[in-house]
Amino acid sequence: MKILIAIIILLIVHLQYRFWLGDASVFRIQEYQQRLDALQKEAQEKKERNDALYAEVLDLRKGQEAIEERARYELGMVKENETFFQVLE
């Protein structure tokens, strides 16, 4: 009987050790969950950025209006027979 009690106590100690300090301990699981949350947030941000870039690529492939708009605002291009006014403050 004493041997059975000793085995049960050793088993409980072993399980408690694994629960609090082992590879799948409570603290490690929390750490892994925090890392997983951060990675999911980063993946979502990158997905949104990729979706925006993909929409811009489709817009540029679709027509000349988008190309013309970018040329006007980013490069300051002007059409023929168009007058450009620059207002200085």
PDB file of N, CA and C in Angstrom:
ATOM      1  N   MET A   1       0.812  -1.187   0.000  1.00  0.00           N
ATOM      2  CA  MET A   1       0.000   0.000   0.000  1.00  0.00           C
ATOM      3  C   MET A   1       0.862   1.260   0.000  1.00  0.00           C
ATOM      4  N   LYS A   2       1.951   1.233   0.780  1.00  0.00           N
ATOM      5  CA  LYS A   2       2.830   2.407   0.831  1.00  0.00           C
ATOM      6  C   LYS A   2       3.479   2.659  -0.531  1.00  0.00           C
ATOM      7  N   ILE A   3       3.771   1.596  -1.256  1.00  0.00           N
ATOM      8  CA  ILE A   3       4.381   1.745  -2.583  1.00  0.00           C
ATOM      9  C   ILE A   3       3.389   2.392  -3.539  1.00  0.00           C
ATOM     10  N   LEU A   4       2.128   2.018  -3.472  1.00  0.00           N
ATOM     11  CA  LEU A   4       1.090   2.595  -4.325  1.00  0.00           C
ATOM     12  C   LEU A   4       0.921   4.083  -4.041  1.00  0.00           C
ATOM     13  N   ILE A   5       0.916   4.460  -2.774  1.00  0.00           N
ATOM     14  CA  ILE A   5       0.811   5.873  -2.392  1.00  0.00           C
ATOM     15  C   ILE A   5       2.039   6.643  -2.871  1.00  0.00           C
ATOM     16  N   ALA A   6       3.208   6.069  -2.748  1.00  0.00           N
ATOM     17  CA  ALA A   6       4.435   6.725  -3.208  1.00  0.00           C
ATOM     18  C   ALA A   6       4.402   6.921  -4.722  1.00  0.00           C
ATOM     19  N   ILE A   7       3.917   5.920  -5.444  1.00  0.00           N
ATOM     20  CA  ILE A   7       3.831   6.034  -6.903  1.00  0.00           C
ATOM     21  C   ILE A   7       2.834   7.118  -7.291  1.00  0.00           C
ATOM     22  N   ILE A   8       1.712   7.181  -6.617  1.00  0.00           N
ATOM     23  CA  ILE A   8       0.702   8.211  -6.901  1.00  0.00           C
ATOM     24  C   ILE A   8       1.255   9.598  -6.600  1.00  0.00           C
ATOM     25  N   ILE A   9       1.954   9.757  -5.488  1.00  0.00           N
ATOM     26  CA  ILE A   9       2.555  11.048  -5.137  1.00  0.00           C
ATOM     27  C   ILE A   9       3.600  11.450  -6.169  1.00  0.00           C
ATOM     28  N   LEU A  10       4.445  10.514  -6.574  1.00  0.00           N
ATOM     29  CA  LEU A  10       5.442  10.819  -7.608  1.00  0.00           C
ATOM     30  C   LEU A  10       4.779  11.201  -8.929  1.00  0.00           C
ATOM     31  N   LEU A  11       3.715  10.535  -9.272  1.00  0.00           N
ATOM     32  CA  LEU A  11       2.983  10.851 -10.489  1.00  0.00           C
ATOM     33  C   LEU A  11       2.386  12.250 -10.419  1.00  0.00           C
ATOM     34  N   ILE A  12       1.807  12.603  -9.288  1.00  0.00           N
ATOM     35  CA  ILE A  12       1.237  13.942  -9.103  1.00  0.00           C
ATOM     36  C   ILE A  12       2.332  15.001  -9.179  1.00  0.00           C
ATOM     37  N   VAL A  13       3.470  14.760  -8.542  1.00  0.00           N
ATOM     38  CA  VAL A  13       4.593  15.712  -8.586  1.00  0.00           C
ATOM     39  C   VAL A  13       5.076  15.884 -10.029  1.00  0.00           C
ATOM     40  N   HIS A  14       5.203  14.787 -10.736  1.00  0.00           N
ATOM     41  CA  HIS A  14       5.652  14.837 -12.126  1.00  0.00           C
ATOM     42  C   HIS A  14       4.672  15.637 -12.995  1.00  0.00           C
ATOM     43  N   LEU A  15       3.383  15.389 -12.816  1.00  0.00           N
ATOM     44  CA  LEU A  15       2.382  16.110 -13.607  1.00  0.00           C
ATOM     45  C   LEU A  15       2.347  17.600 -13.251  1.00  0.00           C
ATOM     46  N   GLN A  16       2.513  17.905 -11.975  1.00  0.00           N
ATOM     47  CA  GLN A  16       2.554  19.314 -11.571  1.00  0.00           C
ATOM     48  C   GLN A  16       3.781  20.015 -12.147  1.00  0.00           C
ATOM     49  N   TYR A  17       4.906  19.326 -12.163  1.00  0.00           N
ATOM     50  CA  TYR A  17       6.119  19.890 -12.751  1.00  0.00           C
ATOM     51  C   TYR A  17       5.891  20.210 -14.230  1.00  0.00           C
ATOM     52  N   ARG A  18       5.313  19.256 -14.962  1.00  0.00           N
ATOM     53  CA  ARG A  18       5.065  19.476 -16.384  1.00  0.00           C
ATOM     54  C   ARG A  18       4.057  20.600 -16.598  1.00  0.00           C
ATOM     55  N   PHE A  19       3.075  20.707 -15.703  1.00  0.00           N
ATOM     56  CA  PHE A  19       2.050  21.733 -15.831  1.00  0.00           C
ATOM     57  C   PHE A  19       2.625  23.133 -15.623  1.00  0.00           C
ATOM     58  N   TRP A  20       3.492  23.307 -14.640  1.00  0.00           N
ATOM     59  CA  TRP A  20       4.006  24.629 -14.309  1.00  0.00           C
ATOM     60  C   TRP A  20       5.334  24.962 -14.978  1.00  0.00           C
ATOM     61  N   LEU A  21       6.194  23.982 -15.225  1.00  0.00           N
ATOM     62  CA  LEU A  21       7.539  24.277 -15.713  1.00  0.00           C
ATOM     63  C   LEU A  21       7.931  23.554 -17.001  1.00  0.00           C
ATOM     64  N   GLY A  22       7.136  22.671 -17.509  1.00  0.00           N
ATOM     65  CA  GLY A  22       7.512  21.855 -18.667  1.00  0.00           C
ATOM     66  C   GLY A  22       7.357  22.601 -19.986  1.00  0.00           C
ATOM     67  N   ASP A  23       7.487  21.832 -21.088  1.00  0.00           N
ATOM     68  CA  ASP A  23       7.390  22.416 -22.429  1.00  0.00           C
ATOM     69  C   ASP A  23       6.011  22.993 -22.719  1.00  0.00           C
ATOM     70  N   ALA A  24       4.985  22.391 -22.200  1.00  0.00           N
ATOM     71  CA  ALA A  24       3.620  22.869 -22.430  1.00  0.00           C
ATOM     72  C   ALA A  24       3.063  23.515 -21.170  1.00  0.00           C
ATOM     73  N   SER A  25       3.890  24.264 -20.474  1.00  0.00           N
ATOM     74  CA  SER A  25       3.452  24.889 -19.230  1.00  0.00           C
ATOM     75  C   SER A  25       2.521  26.063 -19.520  1.00  0.00           C
ATOM     76  N   VAL A  26       1.880  26.508 -18.472  1.00  0.00           N
ATOM     77  CA  VAL A  26       0.939  27.611 -18.586  1.00  0.00           C
ATOM     78  C   VAL A  26       1.640  28.867 -19.105  1.00  0.00           C
ATOM     79  N   PHE A  27       2.821  29.135 -18.627  1.00  0.00           N
ATOM     80  CA  PHE A  27       3.544  30.343 -19.020  1.00  0.00           C
ATOM     81  C   PHE A  27       3.978  30.278 -20.483  1.00  0.00           C
ATOM     82  N   ARG A  28       4.427  29.134 -20.922  1.00  0.00           N
ATOM     83  CA  ARG A  28       4.841  28.983 -22.318  1.00  0.00           C
ATOM     84  C   ARG A  28       3.648  29.110 -23.261  1.00  0.00           C
ATOM     85  N   ILE A  29       2.528  28.567 -22.847  1.00  0.00           N
ATOM     86  CA  ILE A  29       1.327  28.661 -23.683  1.00  0.00           C
ATOM     87  C   ILE A  29       0.908  30.118 -23.825  1.00  0.00           C
ATOM     88  N   GLN A  30       0.978  30.889 -22.753  1.00  0.00           N
ATOM     89  CA  GLN A  30       0.649  32.316 -22.822  1.00  0.00           C
ATOM     90  C   GLN A  30       1.634  33.047 -23.736  1.00  0.00           C
ATOM     91  N   GLU A  31       2.907  32.715 -23.618  1.00  0.00           N
ATOM     92  CA  GLU A  31       3.929  33.323 -24.467  1.00  0.00           C
ATOM     93  C   GLU A  31       3.678  32.995 -25.933  1.00  0.00           C
ATOM     94  N   TYR A  32       3.366  31.746 -26.230  1.00  0.00           N
ATOM     95  CA  TYR A  32       3.074  31.341 -27.605  1.00  0.00           C
ATOM     96  C   TYR A  32       1.828  32.042 -28.132  1.00  0.00           C
ATOM     97  N   GLN A  33       0.837  32.210 -27.289  1.00  0.00           N
ATOM     98  CA  GLN A  33      -0.392  32.878 -27.707  1.00  0.00           C
ATOM     99  C   GLN A  33      -0.124  34.342 -28.039  1.00  0.00           C
ATOM    100  N   GLN A  34       0.709  35.011 -27.228  1.00  0.00           N
ATOM    101  CA  GLN A  34       1.051  36.402 -27.510  1.00  0.00           C
ATOM    102  C   GLN A  34       1.810  36.523 -28.823  1.00  0.00           C
ATOM    103  N   ARG A  35       2.742  35.607 -29.059  1.00  0.00           N
ATOM    104  CA  ARG A  35       3.489  35.611 -30.314  1.00  0.00           C
ATOM    105  C   ARG A  35       2.568  35.360 -31.499  1.00  0.00           C
ATOM    106  N   LEU A  36       1.641  34.429 -31.327  1.00  0.00           N
ATOM    107  CA  LEU A  36       0.682  34.116 -32.387  1.00  0.00           C
ATOM    108  C   LEU A  36      -0.202  35.316 -32.692  1.00  0.00           C
ATOM    109  N   ASP A  37      -0.655  36.020 -31.675  1.00  0.00           N
ATOM    110  CA  ASP A  37      -1.484  37.213 -31.868  1.00  0.00           C
ATOM    111  C   ASP A  37      -0.713  38.290 -32.633  1.00  0.00           C
ATOM    112  N   ALA A  38       0.550  38.498 -32.264  1.00  0.00           N
ATOM    113  CA  ALA A  38       1.370  39.498 -32.950  1.00  0.00           C
ATOM    114  C   ALA A  38       1.582  39.119 -34.415  1.00  0.00           C
ATOM    115  N   LEU A  39       1.830  37.851 -34.678  1.00  0.00           N
ATOM    116  CA  LEU A  39       2.023  37.400 -36.058  1.00  0.00           C
ATOM    117  C   LEU A  39       0.739  37.514 -36.872  1.00  0.00           C
ATOM    118  N   GLN A  40      -0.396  37.229 -36.260  1.00  0.00           N
ATOM    119  CA  GLN A  40      -1.668  37.362 -36.965  1.00  0.00           C
ATOM    120  C   GLN A  40      -1.959  38.822 -37.292  1.00  0.00           C
ATOM    121  N   LYS A  41      -1.639  39.725 -36.374  1.00  0.00           N
ATOM    122  CA  LYS A  41      -1.842  41.152 -36.615  1.00  0.00           C
ATOM    123  C   LYS A  41      -0.937  41.618 -37.759  1.00  0.00           C
ATOM    124  N   GLU A  42       0.315  41.198 -37.737  1.00  0.00           N
ATOM    125  CA  GLU A  42       1.250  41.560 -38.795  1.00  0.00           C
ATOM    126  C   GLU A  42       0.801  41.001 -40.142  1.00  0.00           C
ATOM    127  N   ALA A  43       0.323  39.776 -40.159  1.00  0.00           N
ATOM    128  CA  ALA A  43      -0.155  39.168 -41.403  1.00  0.00           C
ATOM    129  C   ALA A  43      -1.372  39.917 -41.940  1.00  0.00           C
ATOM    130  N   GLN A  44      -2.262  40.348 -41.052  1.00  0.00           N
ATOM    131  CA  GLN A  44      -3.445  41.097 -41.476  1.00  0.00           C
ATOM    132  C   GLN A  44      -3.046  42.444 -42.072  1.00  0.00           C
ATOM    133  N   GLU A  45      -2.090  43.129 -41.452  1.00  0.00           N
ATOM    134  CA  GLU A  45      -1.622  44.412 -41.980  1.00  0.00           C
ATOM    135  C   GLU A  45      -0.994  44.238 -43.363  1.00  0.00           C
ATOM    136  N   LYS A  46      -0.202  43.190 -43.520  1.00  0.00           N
ATOM    137  CA  LYS A  46       0.435  42.944 -44.815  1.00  0.00           C
ATOM    138  C   LYS A  46      -0.599  42.554 -45.870  1.00  0.00           C
ATOM    139  N   LYS A  47      -1.628  41.819 -45.460  1.00  0.00           N
ATOM    140  CA  LYS A  47      -2.684  41.450 -46.402  1.00  0.00           C
ATOM    141  C   LYS A  47      -3.422  42.694 -46.878  1.00  0.00           C
ATOM    142  N   GLU A  48      -3.737  43.605 -45.962  1.00  0.00           N
ATOM    143  CA  GLU A  48      -4.414  44.845 -46.339  1.00  0.00           C
ATOM    144  C   GLU A  48      -3.545  45.676 -47.281  1.00  0.00           C
ATOM    145  N   ARG A  49      -2.251  45.734 -47.003  1.00  0.00           N
ATOM    146  CA  ARG A  49      -1.327  46.475 -47.873  1.00  0.00           C
ATOM    147  C   ARG A  49      -1.270  45.838 -49.256  1.00  0.00           C
ATOM    148  N   ASN A  50      -1.195  44.512 -49.293  1.00  0.00           N
ATOM    149  CA  ASN A  50      -1.160  43.813 -50.578  1.00  0.00           C
ATOM    150  C   ASN A  50      -2.453  44.018 -51.358  1.00  0.00           C
ATOM    151  N   ASP A  51      -3.587  44.008 -50.668  1.00  0.00           N
ATOM    152  CA  ASP A  51      -4.862  44.239 -51.337  1.00  0.00           C
ATOM    153  C   ASP A  51      -4.923  45.640 -51.944  1.00  0.00           C
ATOM    154  N   ALA A  52      -4.407  46.629 -51.205  1.00  0.00           N
ATOM    155  CA  ALA A  52      -4.393  47.998 -51.723  1.00  0.00           C
ATOM    156  C   ALA A  52      -3.480  48.107 -52.941  1.00  0.00           C
ATOM    157  N   LEU A  53      -2.327  47.480 -52.878  1.00  0.00           N
ATOM    158  CA  LEU A  53      -1.410  47.504 -54.024  1.00  0.00           C
ATOM    159  C   LEU A  53      -2.011  46.775 -55.223  1.00  0.00           C
ATOM    160  N   TYR A  54      -2.686  45.665 -54.980  1.00  0.00           N
ATOM    161  CA  TYR A  54      -3.307  44.921 -56.065  1.00  0.00           C
ATOM    162  C   TYR A  54      -4.406  45.754 -56.726  1.00  0.00           C
ATOM    163  N   ALA A  55      -5.196  46.455 -55.927  1.00  0.00           N
ATOM    164  CA  ALA A  55      -6.242  47.324 -56.472  1.00  0.00           C
ATOM    165  C   ALA A  55      -5.627  48.433 -57.316  1.00  0.00           C
ATOM    166  N   GLU A  56      -4.511  48.982 -56.869  1.00  0.00           N
ATOM    167  CA  GLU A  56      -3.836  50.032 -57.628  1.00  0.00           C
ATOM    168  C   GLU A  56      -3.294  49.484 -58.957  1.00  0.00           C
ATOM    169  N   VAL A  57      -2.742  48.281 -58.928  1.00  0.00           N
ATOM    170  CA  VAL A  57      -2.243  47.657 -60.161  1.00  0.00           C
ATOM    171  C   VAL A  57      -3.396  47.436 -61.142  1.00  0.00           C
ATOM    172  N   LEU A  58      -4.524  46.937 -60.645  1.00  0.00           N
ATOM    173  CA  LEU A  58      -5.683  46.743 -61.516  1.00  0.00           C
ATOM    174  C   LEU A  58      -6.159  48.063 -62.097  1.00  0.00           C
ATOM    175  N   ASP A  59      -6.160  49.101 -61.280  1.00  0.00           N
ATOM    176  CA  ASP A  59      -6.578  50.420 -61.742  1.00  0.00           C
ATOM    177  C   ASP A  59      -5.639  50.941 -62.822  1.00  0.00           C
ATOM    178  N   LEU A  60      -4.345  50.732 -62.638  1.00  0.00           N
ATOM    179  CA  LEU A  60      -3.381  51.200 -63.637  1.00  0.00           C
ATOM    180  C   LEU A  60      -3.490  50.393 -64.934  1.00  0.00           C
ATOM    181  N   ARG A  61      -3.789  49.126 -64.833  1.00  0.00           N
ATOM    182  CA  ARG A  61      -3.952  48.298 -66.034  1.00  0.00           C
ATOM    183  C   ARG A  61      -5.235  48.633 -66.781  1.00  0.00           C
ATOM    184  N   LYS A  62      -6.239  49.079 -66.051  1.00  0.00           N
ATOM    185  CA  LYS A  62      -7.574  49.268 -66.617  1.00  0.00           C
ATOM    186  C   LYS A  62      -7.645  50.436 -67.593  1.00  0.00           C
ATOM    187  N   GLY A  63      -7.065  51.546 -67.244  1.00  0.00           N
ATOM    188  CA  GLY A  63      -7.274  52.687 -68.127  1.00  0.00           C
ATOM    189  C   GLY A  63      -6.206  53.748 -68.013  1.00  0.00           C
ATOM    190  N   GLN A  64      -6.327  54.706 -68.907  1.00  0.00           N
ATOM    191  CA  GLN A  64      -5.367  55.798 -68.973  1.00  0.00           C
ATOM    192  C   GLN A  64      -5.641  56.881 -67.938  1.00  0.00           C
ATOM    193  N   GLU A  65      -6.867  56.915 -67.406  1.00  0.00           N
ATOM    194  CA  GLU A  65      -7.191  57.979 -66.441  1.00  0.00           C
ATOM    195  C   GLU A  65      -6.307  57.897 -65.198  1.00  0.00           C
ATOM    196  N   ALA A  66      -6.082  56.707 -64.716  1.00  0.00           N
ATOM    197  CA  ALA A  66      -5.257  56.549 -63.518  1.00  0.00           C
ATOM    198  C   ALA A  66      -3.812  56.952 -63.792  1.00  0.00           C
ATOM    199  N   ILE A  67      -3.305  56.575 -64.957  1.00  0.00           N
ATOM    200  CA  ILE A  67      -1.934  56.951 -65.320  1.00  0.00           C
ATOM    201  C   ILE A  67      -1.830  58.462 -65.465  1.00  0.00           C
ATOM    202  N   GLU A  68      -2.830  59.046 -66.110  1.00  0.00           N
ATOM    203  CA  GLU A  68      -2.828  60.499 -66.295  1.00  0.00           C
ATOM    204  C   GLU A  68      -2.908  61.221 -64.947  1.00  0.00           C
ATOM    205  N   GLU A  69      -3.741  60.727 -64.058  1.00  0.00           N
ATOM    206  CA  GLU A  69      -3.877  61.345 -62.736  1.00  0.00           C
ATOM    207  C   GLU A  69      -2.567  61.297 -61.963  1.00  0.00           C
ATOM    208  N   ARG A  70      -1.891  60.151 -61.988  1.00  0.00           N
ATOM    209  CA  ARG A  70      -0.601  60.042 -61.291  1.00  0.00           C
ATOM    210  C   ARG A  70       0.432  60.967 -61.919  1.00  0.00           C
ATOM    211  N   ALA A  71       0.435  61.050 -63.244  1.00  0.00           N
ATOM    212  CA  ALA A  71       1.395  61.925 -63.926  1.00  0.00           C
ATOM    213  C   ALA A  71       1.142  63.380 -63.555  1.00  0.00           C
ATOM    214  N   ARG A  72      -0.101  63.774 -63.436  1.00  0.00           N
ATOM    215  CA  ARG A  72      -0.414  65.171 -63.092  1.00  0.00           C
ATOM    216  C   ARG A  72       0.021  65.503 -61.663  1.00  0.00           C
ATOM    217  N   TYR A  73      -0.346  64.653 -60.720  1.00  0.00           N
ATOM    218  CA  TYR A  73      -0.097  64.986 -59.321  1.00  0.00           C
ATOM    219  C   TYR A  73       1.332  64.697 -58.874  1.00  0.00           C
ATOM    220  N   GLU A  74       1.937  63.655 -59.375  1.00  0.00           N
ATOM    221  CA  GLU A  74       3.284  63.302 -58.919  1.00  0.00           C
ATOM    222  C   GLU A  74       4.378  63.944 -59.761  1.00  0.00           C
ATOM    223  N   LEU A  75       4.112  64.134 -61.061  1.00  0.00           N
ATOM    224  CA  LEU A  75       5.154  64.664 -61.946  1.00  0.00           C
ATOM    225  C   LEU A  75       4.865  66.064 -62.446  1.00  0.00           C
ATOM    226  N   GLY A  76       3.655  66.586 -62.198  1.00  0.00           N
ATOM    227  CA  GLY A  76       3.307  67.937 -62.610  1.00  0.00           C
ATOM    228  C   GLY A  76       3.112  68.078 -64.110  1.00  0.00           C
ATOM    229  N   MET A  77       2.687  67.036 -64.793  1.00  0.00           N
ATOM    230  CA  MET A  77       2.494  67.091 -66.240  1.00  0.00           C
ATOM    231  C   MET A  77       1.211  67.833 -66.589  1.00  0.00           C
ATOM    232  N   VAL A  78       1.209  68.445 -67.779  1.00  0.00           N
ATOM    233  CA  VAL A  78       0.076  69.230 -68.247  1.00  0.00           C
ATOM    234  C   VAL A  78      -0.266  68.753 -69.655  1.00  0.00           C
ATOM    235  N   LYS A  79      -1.562  68.727 -69.989  1.00  0.00           N
ATOM    236  CA  LYS A  79      -2.009  68.332 -71.323  1.00  0.00           C
ATOM    237  C   LYS A  79      -1.742  69.450 -72.321  1.00  0.00           C
ATOM    238  N   GLU A  80      -1.826  69.091 -73.596  1.00  0.00           N
ATOM    239  CA  GLU A  80      -1.723  70.111 -74.641  1.00  0.00           C
ATOM    240  C   GLU A  80      -2.929  71.035 -74.547  1.00  0.00           C
ATOM    241  N   ASN A  81      -2.738  72.287 -74.895  1.00  0.00           N
ATOM    242  CA  ASN A  81      -3.762  73.332 -74.872  1.00  0.00           C
ATOM    243  C   ASN A  81      -4.349  73.497 -73.481  1.00  0.00           C
ATOM    244  N   GLU A  82      -3.572  73.271 -72.476  1.00  0.00           N
ATOM    245  CA  GLU A  82      -4.012  73.426 -71.107  1.00  0.00           C
ATOM    246  C   GLU A  82      -3.092  74.436 -70.443  1.00  0.00           C
ATOM    247  N   THR A  83      -3.640  75.320 -69.655  1.00  0.00           N
ATOM    248  CA  THR A  83      -2.850  76.360 -68.992  1.00  0.00           C
ATOM    249  C   THR A  83      -2.650  75.947 -67.534  1.00  0.00           C
ATOM    250  N   PHE A  84      -1.413  76.055 -67.091  1.00  0.00           N
ATOM    251  CA  PHE A  84      -1.076  75.695 -65.720  1.00  0.00           C
ATOM    252  C   PHE A  84      -0.853  76.964 -64.916  1.00  0.00           C
ATOM    253  N   PHE A  85      -1.552  77.092 -63.808  1.00  0.00           N
ATOM    254  CA  PHE A  85      -1.385  78.234 -62.920  1.00  0.00           C
ATOM    255  C   PHE A  85      -0.831  77.728 -61.604  1.00  0.00           C
ATOM    256  N   GLN A  86       0.226  78.393 -61.115  1.00  0.00           N
ATOM    257  CA  GLN A  86       0.771  78.043 -59.821  1.00  0.00           C
ATOM    258  C   GLN A  86       0.566  79.211 -58.892  1.00  0.00           C
ATOM    259  N   VAL A  87      -0.098  78.955 -57.778  1.00  0.00           N
ATOM    260  CA  VAL A  87      -0.398  80.007 -56.822  1.00  0.00           C
ATOM    261  C   VAL A  87       0.594  79.902 -55.678  1.00  0.00           C
ATOM    262  N   LEU A  88       1.327  80.983 -55.468  1.00  0.00           N
ATOM    263  CA  LEU A  88       2.288  81.038 -54.363  1.00  0.00           C
ATOM    264  C   LEU A  88       1.685  81.837 -53.226  1.00  0.00           C
ATOM    265  N   GLU A  89       1.828  81.318 -52.025  1.00  0.00           N
ATOM    266  CA  GLU A  89       1.255  82.028 -50.864  1.00  0.00           C
ATOM    267  C   GLU A  89       2.304  82.816 -50.143  1.00  0.00           C
TER     268      GLU A  89
END
